[in-house]
Structure formats: structure tokens, C-alpha cells
C-alpha atoms as a PDB file:
ATOM      1  CA  MET A   1      24.794 -38.659   8.876  1.00  0.00           C
ATOM      2  CA  TYR A   2      21.164 -37.517   8.754  1.00  0.00           C
ATOM      3  CA  LYS A   3      21.976 -34.828  11.324  1.00  0.00           C
ATOM      4  CA  HIS A   4      24.833 -33.539   9.168  1.00  0.00           C
ATOM      5  CA  ARG A   5      22.553 -33.340   6.141  1.00  0.00           C
ATOM      6  CA  ILE A   6      20.074 -31.277   8.127  1.00  0.00           C
ATOM      7  CA  ILE A   7      22.843 -28.919   9.211  1.00  0.00           C
ATOM      8  CA  PHE A   8      24.143 -28.501   5.645  1.00  0.00           C
ATOM      9  CA  LEU A   9      20.594 -27.931   4.399  1.00  0.00           C
ATOM     10  CA  ALA A  10      20.000 -25.272   7.045  1.00  0.00           C
ATOM     11  CA  ILE A  11      23.257 -23.530   6.145  1.00  0.00           C
ATOM     12  CA  GLY A  12      22.306 -23.619   2.474  1.00  0.00           C
ATOM     13  CA  ILE A  13      18.897 -22.102   3.208  1.00  0.00           C
ATOM     14  CA  CYS A  14      20.548 -19.347   5.251  1.00  0.00           C
ATOM     15  CA  PHE A  15      22.899 -18.431   2.400  1.00  0.00           C
ATOM     16  CA  LEU A  16      20.038 -18.497  -0.086  1.00  0.00           C
ATOM     17  CA  THR A  17      17.934 -16.248   2.149  1.00  0.00           C
ATOM     18  CA  MET A  18      20.818 -13.811   2.521  1.00  0.00           C
ATOM     19  CA  ALA A  19      21.357 -13.748  -1.243  1.00  0.00           C
ATOM     20  CA  LEU A  20      17.672 -13.093  -1.889  1.00  0.00           C
ATOM     21  CA  LYS A  21      17.602 -10.276   0.659  1.00  0.00           C
ATOM     22  CA  LYS A  22      20.685  -8.733  -0.926  1.00  0.00           C
ATOM     23  CA  ALA A  23      19.060  -8.911  -4.370  1.00  0.00           C
ATOM     24  CA  GLU A  24      15.855  -7.357  -3.033  1.00  0.00           C
ATOM     25  CA  SER A  25      17.802  -4.521  -1.412  1.00  0.00           C
ATOM     26  CA  ARG A  26      19.407  -3.477  -4.688  1.00  0.00           C
ATOM     27  CA  ILE A  27      18.004  -0.474  -6.509  1.00  0.00           C
ATOM     28  CA  THR A  28      16.644  -1.319  -9.940  1.00  0.00           C
ATOM     29  CA  ILE A  29      16.832   1.184 -12.769  1.00  0.00           C
ATOM     30  CA  TYR A  30      14.171   0.408 -15.359  1.00  0.00           C
ATOM     31  CA  THR A  31      14.856   1.990 -18.741  1.00  0.00           C
ATOM     32  CA  ILE A  32      11.881   2.420 -21.072  1.00  0.00           C
ATOM     33  CA  GLY A  33      11.975   3.846 -24.554  1.00  0.00           C
ATOM     34  CA  ASP A  34      12.682   3.031 -28.185  1.00  0.00           C
ATOM     35  CA  SER A  35      15.357   1.498 -30.417  1.00  0.00           C
ATOM     36  CA  THR A  36      17.994   4.107 -29.607  1.00  0.00           C
ATOM     37  CA  MET A  37      17.974   2.717 -26.054  1.00  0.00           C
ATOM     38  CA  ALA A  38      16.993  -0.946 -26.545  1.00  0.00           C
ATOM     39  CA  ASN A  39      18.876  -4.221 -26.257  1.00  0.00           C
ATOM     40  CA  LYS A  40      19.830  -5.609 -29.666  1.00  0.00           C
ATOM     41  CA  ASP A  41      20.070  -9.003 -31.299  1.00  0.00           C
ATOM     42  CA  THR A  42      23.807  -9.361 -31.871  1.00  0.00           C
ATOM     43  CA  THR A  43      23.683 -12.500 -34.020  1.00  0.00           C
ATOM     44  CA  ASN A  44      25.238 -12.443 -37.496  1.00  0.00           C
ATOM     45  CA  GLY A  45      27.674  -9.817 -36.272  1.00  0.00           C
ATOM     46  CA  ASN A  46      24.976  -7.152 -35.980  1.00  0.00           C
ATOM     47  CA  PRO A  47      26.870  -4.007 -34.846  1.00  0.00           C
ATOM     48  CA  GLU A  48      23.795  -2.072 -33.653  1.00  0.00           C
ATOM     49  CA  ARG A  49      23.604  -1.224 -29.940  1.00  0.00           C
ATOM     50  CA  GLY A  50      21.135   0.697 -27.812  1.00  0.00           C
ATOM     51  CA  TRP A  51      22.740   3.110 -25.351  1.00  0.00           C
ATOM     52  CA  ALA A  52      21.094   1.538 -22.287  1.00  0.00           C
ATOM     53  CA  MET A  53      23.089  -1.628 -23.030  1.00  0.00           C
ATOM     54  CA  ALA A  54      26.116   0.337 -21.808  1.00  0.00           C
ATOM     55  CA  PHE A  55      24.457   1.743 -18.664  1.00  0.00           C
ATOM     56  CA  GLN A  56      25.091  -1.012 -16.101  1.00  0.00           C
ATOM     57  CA  PRO A  57      28.930  -0.789 -16.012  1.00  0.00           C
ATOM     58  CA  PHE A  58      28.743   2.721 -14.589  1.00  0.00           C
ATOM     59  CA  PHE A  59      27.082   1.427 -11.405  1.00  0.00           C
ATOM     60  CA  ASP A  60      28.124  -0.725  -8.487  1.00  0.00           C
ATOM     61  CA  ALA A  61      26.412  -3.982  -9.513  1.00  0.00           C
ATOM     62  CA  GLY A  62      26.067  -5.008  -5.873  1.00  0.00           C
ATOM     63  CA  LYS A  63      23.839  -2.007  -5.219  1.00  0.00           C
ATOM     64  CA  VAL A  64      22.221  -1.126  -8.561  1.00  0.00           C
ATOM     65  CA  VAL A  65      20.917  -3.306 -11.372  1.00  0.00           C
ATOM     66  CA  VAL A  66      19.763  -1.966 -14.741  1.00  0.00           C
ATOM     67  CA  GLU A  67      16.791  -3.626 -16.431  1.00  0.00           C
ATOM     68  CA  ASN A  68      16.523  -2.393 -19.985  1.00  0.00           C
ATOM     69  CA  HIS A  69      12.908  -2.693 -21.170  1.00  0.00           C
ATOM     70  CA  ALA A  70      13.235  -0.285 -24.120  1.00  0.00           C
ATOM     71  CA  MET A  71      12.062  -1.858 -27.380  1.00  0.00           C
ATOM     72  CA  ASN A  72      12.571  -1.140 -31.049  1.00  0.00           C
ATOM     73  CA  GLY A  73       9.793   0.876 -32.646  1.00  0.00           C
ATOM     74  CA  ARG A  74       7.864   1.727 -29.483  1.00  0.00           C
ATOM     75  CA  SER A  75       6.232   5.002 -28.551  1.00  0.00           C
ATOM     76  CA  THR A  76       4.710   6.254 -25.305  1.00  0.00           C
ATOM     77  CA  LYS A  77       1.429   4.816 -26.618  1.00  0.00           C
ATOM     78  CA  SER A  78       2.434   1.419 -27.998  1.00  0.00           C
ATOM     79  CA  PHE A  79       4.754   0.601 -25.087  1.00  0.00           C
ATOM     80  CA  ARG A  80       1.776   0.730 -22.725  1.00  0.00           C
ATOM     81  CA  ASP A  81      -0.746  -0.756 -25.172  1.00  0.00           C
ATOM     82  CA  GLU A  82       1.403  -3.872 -25.573  1.00  0.00           C
ATOM     83  CA  GLY A  83       1.490  -4.471 -21.811  1.00  0.00           C
ATOM     84  CA  ARG A  84       5.189  -3.692 -21.478  1.00  0.00           C
ATOM     85  CA  TRP A  85       4.634  -1.047 -18.806  1.00  0.00           C
ATOM     86  CA  LYS A  86       2.557  -3.434 -16.657  1.00  0.00           C
ATOM     87  CA  VAL A  87       5.478  -5.860 -16.568  1.00  0.00           C
ATOM     88  CA  ILE A  88       7.464  -3.117 -14.836  1.00  0.00           C
ATOM     89  CA  THR A  89       4.784  -1.762 -12.490  1.00  0.00           C
ATOM     90  CA  ASP A  90       4.032  -5.272 -11.256  1.00  0.00           C
ATOM     91  CA  LYS A  91       7.501  -5.436  -9.690  1.00  0.00           C
ATOM     92  CA  LEU A  92       8.475  -1.775  -9.283  1.00  0.00           C
ATOM     93  CA  LYS A  93       9.382  -1.149  -5.641  1.00  0.00           C
ATOM     94  CA  LYS A  94      10.082   1.784  -3.370  1.00  0.00           C
ATOM     95  CA  GLY A  95      13.411   3.437  -4.172  1.00  0.00           C
ATOM     96  CA  ASP A  96      13.682   2.120  -7.742  1.00  0.00           C
ATOM     97  CA  TYR A  97      14.119   4.425 -10.749  1.00  0.00           C
ATOM     98  CA  VAL A  98      12.422   4.615 -14.143  1.00  0.00           C
ATOM     99  CA  PHE A  99      14.345   6.386 -16.917  1.00  0.00           C
ATOM    100  CA  ILE A 100      11.874   7.419 -19.628  1.00  0.00           C
ATOM    101  CA  GLN A 101      13.004   8.310 -23.167  1.00  0.00           C
ATOM    102  CA  PHE A 102      10.495   8.307 -26.017  1.00  0.00           C
ATOM    103  CA  GLY A 103       9.864  10.506 -29.040  1.00  0.00           C
ATOM    104  CA  HIS A 104      11.285   8.943 -32.202  1.00  0.00           C
ATOM    105  CA  ASN A 105       8.176   6.839 -32.820  1.00  0.00           C
ATOM    106  CA  ASP A 106       5.601   9.124 -31.234  1.00  0.00           C
ATOM    107  CA  GLU A 107       6.359  11.393 -34.206  1.00  0.00           C
ATOM    108  CA  LYS A 108       5.068   8.862 -36.758  1.00  0.00           C
ATOM    109  CA  ILE A 109       1.782  10.501 -37.695  1.00  0.00           C
ATOM    110  CA  GLU A 110       1.182   7.909 -40.423  1.00  0.00           C
ATOM    111  CA  ASP A 111       0.936   5.119 -37.804  1.00  0.00           C
ATOM    112  CA  PRO A 112      -2.051   5.483 -35.428  1.00  0.00           C
ATOM    113  CA  SER A 113      -0.822   2.606 -33.272  1.00  0.00           C
ATOM    114  CA  ARG A 114       2.214   4.700 -32.288  1.00  0.00           C
ATOM    115  CA  TYR A 115       1.522   8.345 -33.024  1.00  0.00           C
ATOM    116  CA  ALA A 116       1.119  10.731 -30.078  1.00  0.00           C
ATOM    117  CA  ASP A 117       0.923  14.486 -30.656  1.00  0.00           C
ATOM    118  CA  ALA A 118       3.740  16.358 -28.908  1.00  0.00           C
ATOM    119  CA  GLN A 119       1.528  18.774 -27.004  1.00  0.00           C
ATOM    120  CA  GLY A 120      -1.310  16.291 -26.510  1.00  0.00           C
ATOM    121  CA  ALA A 121      -1.150  12.535 -26.072  1.00  0.00           C
ATOM    122  CA  TYR A 122       2.654  12.471 -25.825  1.00  0.00           C
ATOM    123  CA  LYS A 123       2.691  14.699 -22.753  1.00  0.00           C
ATOM    124  CA  THR A 124      -0.334  12.923 -21.300  1.00  0.00           C
ATOM    125  CA  ASN A 125       1.318   9.519 -21.737  1.00  0.00           C
ATOM    126  CA  LEU A 126       4.568  10.707 -20.166  1.00  0.00           C
ATOM    127  CA  LYS A 127       2.630  12.201 -17.266  1.00  0.00           C
ATOM    128  CA  ARG A 128       0.954   8.852 -16.609  1.00  0.00           C
ATOM    129  CA  TYR A 129       4.346   7.092 -16.529  1.00  0.00           C
ATOM    130  CA  VAL A 130       5.593   9.676 -14.031  1.00  0.00           C
ATOM    131  CA  GLU A 131       2.539   9.527 -11.787  1.00  0.00           C
ATOM    132  CA  GLU A 132       2.364   5.738 -11.775  1.00  0.00           C
ATOM    133  CA  THR A 133       6.068   5.527 -10.942  1.00  0.00           C
ATOM    134  CA  ARG A 134       5.612   7.917  -8.046  1.00  0.00           C
ATOM    135  CA  ALA A 135       2.580   5.964  -6.843  1.00  0.00           C
ATOM    136  CA  LYS A 136       4.958   3.048  -6.259  1.00  0.00           C
ATOM    137  CA  LYS A 137       7.270   5.392  -4.297  1.00  0.00           C
ATOM    138  CA  ALA A 138       9.857   5.012  -7.052  1.00  0.00           C
ATOM    139  CA  TYR A 139      11.632   7.835  -8.879  1.00  0.00           C
ATOM    140  CA  PRO A 140      10.922   8.869 -12.484  1.00  0.00           C
ATOM    141  CA  VAL A 141      13.580  10.551 -14.621  1.00  0.00           C
ATOM    142  CA  LEU A 142      12.460  12.118 -17.893  1.00  0.00           C
ATOM    143  CA  MET A 143      14.787  12.224 -20.886  1.00  0.00           C
ATOM    144  CA  THR A 144      14.450  14.037 -24.189  1.00  0.00           C
ATOM    145  CA  PRO A 145      15.024  11.840 -27.287  1.00  0.00           C
ATOM    146  CA  ILE A 146      18.587  11.633 -28.566  1.00  0.00           C
ATOM    147  CA  ILE A 147      19.251  13.564 -31.738  1.00  0.00           C
ATOM    148  CA  ARG A 148      19.436  12.090 -35.212  1.00  0.00           C
ATOM    149  CA  ARG A 149      22.649  12.641 -37.153  1.00  0.00           C
ATOM    150  CA  ARG A 150      21.269  14.917 -39.838  1.00  0.00           C
ATOM    151  CA  PHE A 151      23.372  17.898 -40.956  1.00  0.00           C
ATOM    152  CA  ASP A 152      22.391  20.724 -43.282  1.00  0.00           C
ATOM    153  CA  ASN A 153      24.616  22.018 -46.080  1.00  0.00           C
ATOM    154  CA  ASN A 154      26.436  24.258 -43.603  1.00  0.00           C
ATOM    155  CA  GLY A 155      27.357  21.362 -41.330  1.00  0.00           C
ATOM    156  CA  VAL A 156      24.786  22.257 -38.661  1.00  0.00           C
ATOM    157  CA  LEU A 157      22.572  19.604 -37.113  1.00  0.00           C
ATOM    158  CA  VAL A 158      18.903  19.794 -38.076  1.00  0.00           C
ATOM    159  CA  ASN A 159      16.126  19.406 -35.516  1.00  0.00           C
ATOM    160  CA  THR A 160      14.143  16.345 -36.628  1.00  0.00           C
ATOM    161  CA  HIS A 161      12.101  16.039 -33.418  1.00  0.00           C
ATOM    162  CA  ASP A 162       9.998  19.196 -33.833  1.00  0.00           C
ATOM    163  CA  ASP A 163       8.245  20.035 -30.521  1.00  0.00           C
ATOM    164  CA  TYR A 164       8.858  16.726 -28.764  1.00  0.00           C
ATOM    165  CA  PRO A 165      11.987  17.702 -26.767  1.00  0.00           C
ATOM    166  CA  ASP A 166      10.342  20.948 -25.639  1.00  0.00           C
ATOM    167  CA  ALA A 167       7.257  18.997 -24.561  1.00  0.00           C
ATOM    168  CA  VAL A 168       9.418  16.846 -22.277  1.00  0.00           C
ATOM    169  CA  ARG A 169      11.216  19.870 -20.876  1.00  0.00           C
ATOM    170  CA  ALA A 170       7.945  21.631 -20.120  1.00  0.00           C
ATOM    171  CA  LEU A 171       6.453  18.549 -18.471  1.00  0.00           C
ATOM    172  CA  ALA A 172       9.544  18.035 -16.321  1.00  0.00           C
ATOM    173  CA  GLU A 173       9.221  21.608 -15.093  1.00  0.00           C
ATOM    174  CA  GLU A 174       5.490  21.281 -14.515  1.00  0.00           C
ATOM    175  CA  LEU A 175       5.749  18.028 -12.533  1.00  0.00           C
ATOM    176  CA  LYS A 176       9.095  18.824 -10.897  1.00  0.00           C
ATOM    177  CA  VAL A 177      10.657  15.702 -12.362  1.00  0.00           C
ATOM    178  CA  PRO A 178      14.422  15.346 -12.870  1.00  0.00           C
ATOM    179  CA  LEU A 179      15.249  15.888 -16.535  1.00  0.00           C
ATOM    180  CA  ILE A 180      18.283  14.631 -18.422  1.00  0.00           C
ATOM    181  CA  ASP A 181      18.247  16.562 -21.681  1.00  0.00           C
ATOM    182  CA  MET A 182      19.632  13.892 -23.987  1.00  0.00           C
ATOM    183  CA  GLU A 183      18.661  15.844 -27.105  1.00  0.00           C
ATOM    184  CA  LYS A 184      20.804  18.762 -25.980  1.00  0.00           C
ATOM    185  CA  LYS A 185      23.664  16.553 -24.800  1.00  0.00           C
ATOM    186  CA  THR A 186      23.823  14.423 -27.942  1.00  0.00           C
ATOM    187  CA  ARG A 187      23.415  17.505 -30.127  1.00  0.00           C
ATOM    188  CA  HIS A 188      26.547  18.981 -28.534  1.00  0.00           C
ATOM    189  CA  LEU A 189      28.420  15.687 -28.793  1.00  0.00           C
ATOM    190  CA  ILE A 190      27.611  15.058 -32.452  1.00  0.00           C
ATOM    191  CA  GLN A 191      27.935  18.686 -33.565  1.00  0.00           C
ATOM    192  CA  SER A 192      31.382  18.875 -31.960  1.00  0.00           C
ATOM    193  CA  MET A 193      32.478  15.824 -33.979  1.00  0.00           C
ATOM    194  CA  GLY A 194      31.146  17.182 -37.254  1.00  0.00           C
ATOM    195  CA  PRO A 195      29.515  15.485 -40.265  1.00  0.00           C
ATOM    196  CA  GLU A 196      32.316  13.009 -40.960  1.00  0.00           C
ATOM    197  CA  ASP A 197      33.679  11.958 -37.566  1.00  0.00           C
ATOM    198  CA  SER A 198      30.183  11.564 -36.102  1.00  0.00           C
ATOM    199  CA  LYS A 199      29.525   8.684 -38.500  1.00  0.00           C
ATOM    200  CA  SER A 200      31.705   6.607 -36.187  1.00  0.00           C
ATOM    201  CA  LEU A 201      28.898   6.621 -33.581  1.00  0.00           C
ATOM    202  CA  PHE A 202      26.127   5.455 -35.882  1.00  0.00           C
ATOM    203  CA  MET A 203      25.272   2.553 -38.134  1.00  0.00           C
ATOM    204  CA  TRP A 204      27.560   3.517 -40.998  1.00  0.00           C
ATOM    205  CA  PHE A 205      29.240   0.356 -42.280  1.00  0.00           C
ATOM    206  CA  PRO A 206      30.428  -0.763 -45.718  1.00  0.00           C
ATOM    207  CA  ALA A 207      29.287  -3.871 -47.566  1.00  0.00           C
ATOM    208  CA  GLY A 208      30.767  -7.034 -46.126  1.00  0.00           C
ATOM    209  CA  HIS A 209      31.249  -5.654 -42.614  1.00  0.00           C
ATOM    210  CA  SER A 210      28.732  -8.059 -41.085  1.00  0.00           C
ATOM    211  CA  ALA A 211      26.338 -10.801 -42.169  1.00  0.00           C
ATOM    212  CA  ALA A 212      23.526  -8.760 -40.625  1.00  0.00           C
ATOM    213  CA  HIS A 213      24.049  -6.068 -43.287  1.00  0.00           C
ATOM    214  CA  PRO A 214      25.825  -7.732 -46.218  1.00  0.00           C
ATOM    215  CA  ASN A 215      25.226  -4.758 -48.518  1.00  0.00           C
ATOM    216  CA  GLY A 216      26.348  -2.212 -45.943  1.00  0.00           C
ATOM    217  CA  ILE A 217      24.221   0.328 -44.085  1.00  0.00           C
ATOM    218  CA  THR A 218      23.964   4.095 -43.624  1.00  0.00           C
ATOM    219  CA  ASP A 219      21.689   4.839 -40.672  1.00  0.00           C
ATOM    220  CA  ASP A 220      21.740   8.210 -38.896  1.00  0.00           C
ATOM    221  CA  THR A 221      19.363   7.212 -36.079  1.00  0.00           C
ATOM    222  CA  HIS A 222      20.743   4.029 -34.566  1.00  0.00           C
ATOM    223  CA  LEU A 223      23.992   3.645 -32.649  1.00  0.00           C
ATOM    224  CA  ASN A 224      26.908   1.253 -32.853  1.00  0.00           C
ATOM    225  CA  GLY A 225      28.944   0.112 -29.847  1.00  0.00           C
ATOM    226  CA  ARG A 226      31.066   3.250 -29.624  1.00  0.00           C
ATOM    227  CA  GLY A 227      28.025   5.456 -29.963  1.00  0.00           C
ATOM    228  CA  ALA A 228      26.131   3.529 -27.289  1.00  0.00           C
ATOM    229  CA  CYS A 229      28.982   3.950 -24.811  1.00  0.00           C
ATOM    230  CA  LEU A 230      29.377   7.662 -25.420  1.00  0.00           C
ATOM    231  CA  VAL A 231      25.625   8.343 -25.209  1.00  0.00           C
ATOM    232  CA  ALA A 232      25.413   6.308 -21.980  1.00  0.00           C
ATOM    233  CA  LYS A 233      28.223   8.491 -20.666  1.00  0.00           C
ATOM    234  CA  GLU A 234      26.091  11.568 -21.382  1.00  0.00           C
ATOM    235  CA  ALA A 235      23.256  10.054 -19.333  1.00  0.00           C
ATOM    236  CA  VAL A 236      25.659   9.477 -16.447  1.00  0.00           C
ATOM    237  CA  LYS A 237      26.795  13.094 -16.679  1.00  0.00           C
ATOM    238  CA  GLY A 238      23.147  14.042 -16.286  1.00  0.00           C
ATOM    239  CA  ILE A 239      22.839  11.952 -13.125  1.00  0.00           C
ATOM    240  CA  ARG A 240      25.832  13.764 -11.654  1.00  0.00           C
ATOM    241  CA  GLU A 241      24.589  17.198 -12.721  1.00  0.00           C
ATOM    242  CA  LEU A 242      21.211  16.564 -11.095  1.00  0.00           C
ATOM    243  CA  ASN A 243      22.926  15.219  -7.982  1.00  0.00           C
ATOM    244  CA  LEU A 244      20.543  12.272  -7.939  1.00  0.00           C
ATOM    245  CA  PRO A 245      21.053   9.808  -5.062  1.00  0.00           C
ATOM    246  CA  LEU A 246      22.069   7.317  -7.779  1.00  0.00           C
ATOM    247  CA  ALA A 247      25.285   9.282  -8.188  1.00  0.00           C
ATOM    248  CA  GLY A 248      26.428   7.736  -4.906  1.00  0.00           C
ATOM    249  CA  TYR A 249      26.267   4.285  -6.483  1.00  0.00           C
ATOM    250  CA  LEU A 250      28.320   4.983  -9.577  1.00  0.00           C
ATOM    251  CA  ALA A 251      31.136   2.481  -9.868  1.00  0.00           C
ATOM    252  CA  ALA A 252      33.615   4.934 -11.328  1.00  0.00           C
ATOM    253  CA  LYS A 253      34.687   8.445 -10.467  1.00  0.00           C
ATOM    254  CA  ASP A 254      34.945  11.119 -13.105  1.00  0.00           C
ATOM    255  CA  TYR A 255      38.615  10.432 -13.790  1.00  0.00           C
ATOM    256  CA  ASP A 256      38.202   6.780 -14.772  1.00  0.00           C
ATOM    257  CA  ILE A 257      34.792   6.670 -16.431  1.00  0.00           C
ATOM    258  CA  ASP A 258      36.541   6.550 -19.806  1.00  0.00           C
ATOM    259  CA  ASP A 259      38.507   3.491 -18.687  1.00  0.00           C
ATOM    260  CA  VAL A 260      35.274   1.719 -17.762  1.00  0.00           C
ATOM    261  CA  LEU A 261      33.797   2.580 -21.147  1.00  0.00           C
ATOM    262  CA  VAL A 262      36.822   1.398 -23.101  1.00  0.00           C
ATOM    263  CA  HIS A 263      36.878  -1.907 -21.217  1.00  0.00           C
ATOM    264  CA  PHE A 264      33.154  -2.499 -21.638  1.00  0.00           C
ATOM    265  CA  TRP A 265      33.149  -1.498 -25.287  1.00  0.00           C
ATOM    266  CA  LYS A 266      35.964  -3.909 -26.118  1.00  0.00           C
ATOM    267  CA  THR A 267      34.547  -6.827 -24.140  1.00  0.00           C
ATOM    268  CA  LYS A 268      30.784  -6.478 -24.563  1.00  0.00           C
ATOM    269  CA  LEU A 269      29.785  -3.952 -27.203  1.00  0.00           C
ATOM    270  CA  SER A 270      32.499  -3.980 -29.839  1.00  0.00           C
ATOM    271  CA  GLU A 271      31.676  -4.892 -33.399  1.00  0.00           C
ATOM    272  CA  PRO A 272      33.266  -7.915 -35.086  1.00  0.00           C
END
């Protein structure tokens, strides 16, 4: 009997060791950024979703895992100052990826804890993220901030990010870092939908829709479930366009990406 227990224990240890090795061999994508990307509290029927919440379903989960570290209200400065970047660098390993999308809060000149000038501290902070990622033999991917849904009287989207997207583009060229131009991609997506239809991607809900917003909400910055899925799809397009090695681990081919999105939206991201 004792001998059998030893055998079962040894078998169990072997399976555990194999599982740990498999987990260690998976590529981790760390996403860092602000509220447009972040995980959301979905209690009280809160319909808000960050686009990185919809990123994992595009990948083969046996080979790639997404860890979304983006947080509401953070900038390139405050994300590091609060120790959130150290949490990632402490476990970042060779072959992992870091997707970096900041800008919305770096623009807040009235808040010194977050503000970073586009051509100064913002670029310097992004450069540090890139260099420290590379020092771990991992791969940085820079992303411009997604656009806000703000149309002028002629139905044309207004640039609310000033020089921040151009600063990212210039830095990507300077450091030879892959760039996914989310500002450009979401601008095209939202402009093509127009002022009315594009509301369906953002936090536009009437009174009584959810306990989280009993009086309703009109928010042109933050995404709902549908918006999160479609913006995540734009990020995946960028991975394919850049021909990143990650493209080989996508769970869906071009023809059925929409099916994956529809399934995930209905089961994980849909509003009540």
C-alpha cells in the first residue's frame, strides 16, 4: 500500500512538473496603458470594457497568455511611480512581449503626478519602457493612443491628442520598435461609422440601463463590450501587418476572426 502511494505521488509530481514547464514555455503578452485598455469592474452591470480584455481570445491559449496590467487614469509617469512597471519587469522573461499604449493621461497638464510633455518626458518615459523590455530580451511594441469620439460640426473627427501620437511614431522610428498605430486605426474605424453609429462602441447608455450608471452616461473616451472587441481586432490587424512572430500564434485565421469576436462578446463582454 505504501509503495502504491509513493508511485502515485511520483506520477503526480511528474504531471505537475510538466504542467509548470508548459506554463513557463508560454509567451506572455503584458499590456500596459490606461483606462481605454484596462480591465474593468463589471459589478452592478457596469458596461465599460477596456480593449485588452478582448485580446486573449485571438491567441492560442496553450502558447500565449495575455496579462493586462493597464490601469484607469495612469500615464507613462504614474504607472512607473506606483511600482506597476516593476511588477512586470520582475517576471518578464526572454521572448515575452510588452504592448505599450499611453497618452490620454499624460496630456493632463493640470495634474503633475501624471503629466508628461509629448516631446519631453512622455518620449523619455516610453524610451525607458522600451529599453528595459529589451534588456530582458523581451519585445516591446509601441502603440499610439486610441482616438476619442469627438466630431466637429462637419462630422469629422477632431484630434484631441495633440502631438502625442506623433511623438510615439517618431520614437518608434528612432528606436526601430514595432508600432501599431491605434490612433490611425481607430480614427478610420470611428470616422467610417459616423457620429451616430459610432456611439455604439462607447459608453453611451440611457438612464436605467445599469445600476452602475442609473442616470445614464455619455462618454466619448471609454469603450463598451462591442467597442472593446472591435478595437482589439484593430490591434490584431497590426500584429499581422507587422508580421510579428506572434502572428503565428493567433488562434483564428482572417476569415473567422469575426466569429471569435462575436462568441467572446456574447459570453464574456456583453452588457446586461
